[in-house]
Amino acid sequence: MVGAEEREFEGILKRAGDISALPWRGAAFSRQAAWKNRRWFLIANGPGPRLVERALNQRPDVDRILSIGFCGALDPTLRIGDIVVSGEVPKGLQASFVQGDVVSVDRVAFTAREKCELRAATGAAVVEMESAAVAQKAREWNVPFGCVRVVSDVAGDDLPLDFNRYRDADGRFERTRIALAALGRPFTVLPRLVRLDRDCRRAAERLGEFLANCEN
């Protein structure tokens, strides 16, 4: 499973067994865990395709690859915590989900207007930043690819900040600068950032719950 941030795995790690450290050159976060009688590598290295490429610069012994994590809704009917599946659908599903297209861009779609424009241009259900790069690796490695994303912000909402302004040269989010920007606007940005954090926690929990209801 490949995500962008460690927090995207919170709901998964809560339900996984036999979690242990995983030496993985090039990844900011790496674990291995027992999940549904299989061994999974959990990898995250930050947002965007360049960081995916850096994290997946070695060919592990895997028989499938899954892109997981948060996404922004482009479909206005989607709500926080809704699951969107693209590519190979997990087997034995006992939970609701939407099967739809995912568009990957190397920037945060932070306004409702930008999300609306992406929806009109692509017809995709959601937007995120890594799955196209993960899918490319799956093709190179000749293994099945799937994408399971959970909505952390809805189509009609602007995000609290333009997070693209707070990425470093490698593309990672600079959390100190984000915190300072929020503290500089304590009555407008800070409450919305707190709400986004709450929505992300809810989304991570929902993702873990959804995958736990799959056969494998």
Protein backbone atom coordinates (compact mmCIF):
# COMPACT_ATOMS: atom_id res chain seq x y z
CA MET A 1 0.00 0.00 0.00
CA VAL A 2 1.36 3.37 -1.01
CA GLY A 3 0.11 6.59 0.56
CA ALA A 4 1.40 10.13 0.86
CA GLU A 5 1.37 10.64 4.63
CA GLU A 6 1.69 8.39 7.67
CA ARG A 7 -1.68 9.57 8.99
CA GLU A 8 -3.47 8.03 6.01
CA PHE A 9 -2.56 4.62 7.46
CA GLU A 10 -3.97 5.30 10.95
CA GLY A 11 -7.20 3.35 10.44
CA ILE A 12 -5.32 0.53 8.74
CA LEU A 13 -2.65 0.21 11.44
CA LYS A 14 -5.36 0.21 14.09
CA ARG A 15 -6.76 -2.99 12.57
CA ALA A 16 -3.58 -4.66 11.29
CA GLY A 17 -1.59 -7.28 13.14
CA ASP A 18 2.11 -8.00 13.62
CA ILE A 19 3.25 -4.48 12.72
CA SER A 20 7.01 -4.06 12.50
CA ALA A 21 9.63 -1.70 11.16
CA LEU A 22 10.49 -2.01 7.50
CA PRO A 23 13.88 -0.81 6.25
CA TRP A 24 12.98 0.98 3.03
CA ARG A 25 15.44 3.32 1.41
CA GLY A 26 13.81 6.48 0.09
CA ALA A 27 10.58 6.42 2.11
CA ALA A 28 9.74 8.77 4.98
CA PHE A 29 7.41 6.15 6.50
CA SER A 30 7.59 2.37 6.08
CA ARG A 31 6.07 -0.53 7.98
CA GLN A 32 5.15 -4.13 7.31
CA ALA A 33 1.98 -5.59 8.71
CA ALA A 34 -0.21 -8.67 8.64
CA TRP A 35 -3.50 -7.88 6.94
CA LYS A 36 -6.13 -10.44 5.98
CA ASN A 37 -3.66 -13.33 6.15
CA ARG A 38 -1.27 -11.54 3.84
CA ARG A 39 1.87 -9.51 4.36
CA TRP A 40 1.64 -5.88 3.31
CA PHE A 41 4.30 -3.21 2.98
CA LEU A 42 2.99 0.24 3.93
CA ILE A 43 4.94 3.06 2.27
CA ALA A 44 4.56 6.85 2.35
CA ASN A 45 6.96 9.55 1.24
CA GLY A 46 4.94 12.73 0.84
CA PRO A 47 2.65 14.19 -1.84
CA GLY A 48 3.14 14.09 -5.58
CA PRO A 49 4.72 11.88 -8.25
CA ARG A 50 8.36 12.79 -7.65
CA LEU A 51 8.23 11.53 -4.08
CA VAL A 52 6.43 8.35 -5.18
CA GLU A 53 9.22 7.73 -7.70
CA ARG A 54 11.83 8.25 -5.01
CA ALA A 55 10.08 5.89 -2.59
CA LEU A 56 9.52 3.16 -5.17
CA ASN A 57 13.01 3.13 -6.61
CA GLN A 58 13.45 -0.52 -5.64
CA ARG A 59 11.48 -3.51 -6.89
CA PRO A 60 10.08 -5.36 -3.87
CA ASP A 61 8.76 -8.91 -3.94
CA VAL A 62 5.06 -8.03 -4.24
CA ASP A 63 2.16 -9.48 -6.20
CA ARG A 64 -0.01 -6.33 -6.23
CA ILE A 65 0.17 -2.64 -5.45
CA LEU A 66 -2.54 -0.44 -3.95
CA SER A 67 -2.64 3.35 -3.90
CA ILE A 68 -4.49 4.52 -0.79
CA GLY A 69 -5.15 7.76 1.05
CA PHE A 70 -7.07 10.99 1.14
CA CYS A 71 -8.63 12.73 -1.85
CA GLY A 72 -10.68 15.77 -2.70
CA ALA A 73 -14.15 15.22 -4.08
CA LEU A 74 -14.92 16.51 -7.56
CA ASP A 75 -18.33 14.84 -7.67
CA PRO A 76 -20.59 17.14 -5.63
CA THR A 77 -22.59 14.20 -4.27
CA LEU A 78 -19.58 12.77 -2.39
CA ARG A 79 -19.22 13.43 1.34
CA ILE A 80 -16.45 13.21 3.94
CA GLY A 81 -15.52 9.57 4.50
CA ASP A 82 -16.94 8.28 1.20
CA ILE A 83 -14.79 5.61 -0.43
CA VAL A 84 -13.88 5.80 -4.13
CA VAL A 85 -12.36 2.75 -5.84
CA SER A 86 -10.57 2.86 -9.18
CA GLY A 87 -8.79 0.05 -11.00
CA GLU A 88 -8.91 -3.42 -9.47
CA VAL A 89 -11.84 -3.64 -7.04
CA PRO A 90 -11.03 -5.45 -3.76
CA LYS A 91 -12.80 -8.79 -3.42
CA GLY A 92 -15.56 -9.65 -1.01
CA LEU A 93 -16.70 -6.11 -0.34
CA GLN A 94 -19.23 -5.74 2.43
CA ALA A 95 -19.20 -1.96 2.58
CA SER A 96 -20.48 0.80 0.34
CA PHE A 97 -18.20 2.57 -2.13
CA VAL A 98 -18.25 4.50 -5.38
CA GLN A 99 -16.40 3.15 -8.39
CA GLY A 100 -15.12 6.15 -10.32
CA ASP A 101 -12.18 7.75 -12.06
CA VAL A 102 -9.40 9.39 -10.09
CA VAL A 103 -7.38 12.26 -11.53
CA SER A 104 -3.82 12.84 -10.28
CA VAL A 105 -2.28 16.30 -10.35
CA ASP A 106 0.95 17.53 -8.78
CA ARG A 107 -0.75 20.27 -6.78
CA VAL A 108 -3.45 20.63 -4.17
CA ALA A 109 -6.82 21.50 -5.68
CA PHE A 110 -7.66 23.90 -2.88
CA THR A 111 -10.63 25.87 -4.19
CA ALA A 112 -14.15 24.77 -5.10
CA ARG A 113 -13.67 26.50 -8.44
CA GLU A 114 -10.58 24.45 -9.30
CA LYS A 115 -12.37 21.25 -8.33
CA CYS A 116 -15.31 22.21 -10.53
CA GLU A 117 -12.98 22.87 -13.47
CA LEU A 118 -11.23 19.51 -12.98
CA ARG A 119 -14.60 17.76 -12.87
CA ALA A 120 -15.65 19.43 -16.14
CA ALA A 121 -12.34 18.67 -17.86
CA THR A 122 -11.90 15.05 -16.75
CA GLY A 123 -15.22 13.70 -15.48
CA ALA A 124 -13.30 12.21 -12.55
CA ALA A 125 -14.95 11.60 -9.21
CA VAL A 126 -12.01 12.70 -7.06
CA VAL A 127 -8.58 14.33 -7.26
CA GLU A 128 -5.34 13.38 -5.52
CA MET A 129 -1.62 13.56 -6.15
CA GLU A 130 0.01 10.11 -6.26
CA SER A 131 -2.03 7.33 -7.82
CA ALA A 132 -0.93 7.92 -11.43
CA ALA A 133 2.71 7.53 -10.39
CA VAL A 134 1.89 4.40 -8.35
CA ALA A 135 -0.02 2.96 -11.31
CA GLN A 136 3.01 3.56 -13.53
CA LYS A 137 5.16 1.58 -11.13
CA ALA A 138 2.64 -1.26 -11.15
CA ARG A 139 2.88 -1.37 -14.94
CA GLU A 140 6.68 -1.41 -14.79
CA TRP A 141 6.60 -4.22 -12.24
CA ASN A 142 3.83 -6.06 -14.11
CA VAL A 143 1.60 -6.45 -11.05
CA PRO A 144 -2.12 -5.64 -10.60
CA PHE A 145 -2.93 -2.10 -9.49
CA GLY A 146 -5.83 -0.79 -7.45
CA CYS A 147 -6.70 2.59 -6.00
CA VAL A 148 -8.81 3.07 -2.87
CA ARG A 149 -9.31 6.67 -1.83
CA VAL A 150 -11.34 8.31 0.91
CA VAL A 151 -12.83 11.80 0.66
CA SER A 152 -11.32 14.29 3.10
CA ASP A 153 -12.70 17.47 1.53
CA VAL A 154 -15.87 17.93 -0.51
CA ALA A 155 -16.29 19.51 -3.91
CA GLY A 156 -18.05 22.66 -2.75
CA ASP A 157 -15.53 23.66 -0.08
CA ASP A 158 -12.36 25.71 -0.34
CA LEU A 159 -9.48 24.43 1.78
CA PRO A 160 -8.33 26.73 4.60
CA LEU A 161 -5.05 27.62 2.84
CA ASP A 162 -3.39 27.32 -0.51
CA PHE A 163 -1.19 24.43 0.63
CA ASN A 164 0.80 24.64 -2.61
CA ARG A 165 2.52 27.70 -1.13
CA TYR A 166 3.81 25.60 1.76
CA ARG A 167 5.63 22.82 -0.10
CA ASP A 168 9.41 22.56 -0.01
CA ALA A 169 11.72 21.95 -2.97
CA ASP A 170 10.96 18.22 -2.84
CA GLY A 171 7.20 18.78 -2.68
CA ARG A 172 6.61 17.96 0.99
CA PHE A 173 4.33 20.13 3.08
CA GLU A 174 6.16 22.43 5.50
CA ARG A 175 4.06 21.98 8.61
CA THR A 176 5.71 24.74 10.62
CA ARG A 177 4.92 27.32 7.97
CA ILE A 178 1.33 26.02 7.74
CA ALA A 179 0.94 26.33 11.51
CA LEU A 180 2.34 29.87 11.49
CA ALA A 181 0.01 30.86 8.66
CA ALA A 182 -2.95 29.52 10.63
CA LEU A 183 -1.88 31.28 13.83
CA GLY A 184 -1.61 34.50 11.87
CA ARG A 185 -5.35 34.26 11.12
CA PRO A 186 -6.73 32.67 14.30
CA PHE A 187 -10.37 33.57 13.71
CA THR A 188 -10.65 32.51 10.04
CA VAL A 189 -8.02 29.99 8.96
CA LEU A 190 -7.30 28.24 12.27
CA PRO A 191 -10.86 26.94 12.91
CA ARG A 192 -11.09 25.65 9.35
CA LEU A 193 -7.71 23.94 9.66
CA VAL A 194 -8.89 22.25 12.85
CA ARG A 195 -12.03 21.09 11.03
CA LEU A 196 -9.92 19.73 8.15
CA ASP A 197 -7.77 17.82 10.62
CA ARG A 198 -10.92 16.32 12.15
CA ASP A 199 -12.22 15.36 8.71
CA CYS A 200 -8.90 13.71 7.85
CA ARG A 201 -9.00 11.65 11.05
CA ARG A 202 -12.52 10.57 10.22
CA ALA A 203 -11.45 9.70 6.66
CA ALA A 204 -8.47 7.63 7.86
CA GLU A 205 -10.73 5.68 10.20
CA ARG A 206 -13.23 5.09 7.41
CA LEU A 207 -10.48 3.85 5.07
CA GLY A 208 -9.28 1.30 7.62
CA GLU A 209 -12.85 0.17 8.26
CA PHE A 210 -13.51 -0.23 4.53
CA LEU A 211 -10.38 -2.27 3.84
CA ALA A 212 -11.10 -4.43 6.87
CA ASN A 213 -14.36 -5.44 5.16
CA CYS A 214 -12.57 -6.74 2.06
CA GLU A 215 -11.57 -10.36 1.69
CA ASN A 216 -8.00 -9.42 0.76
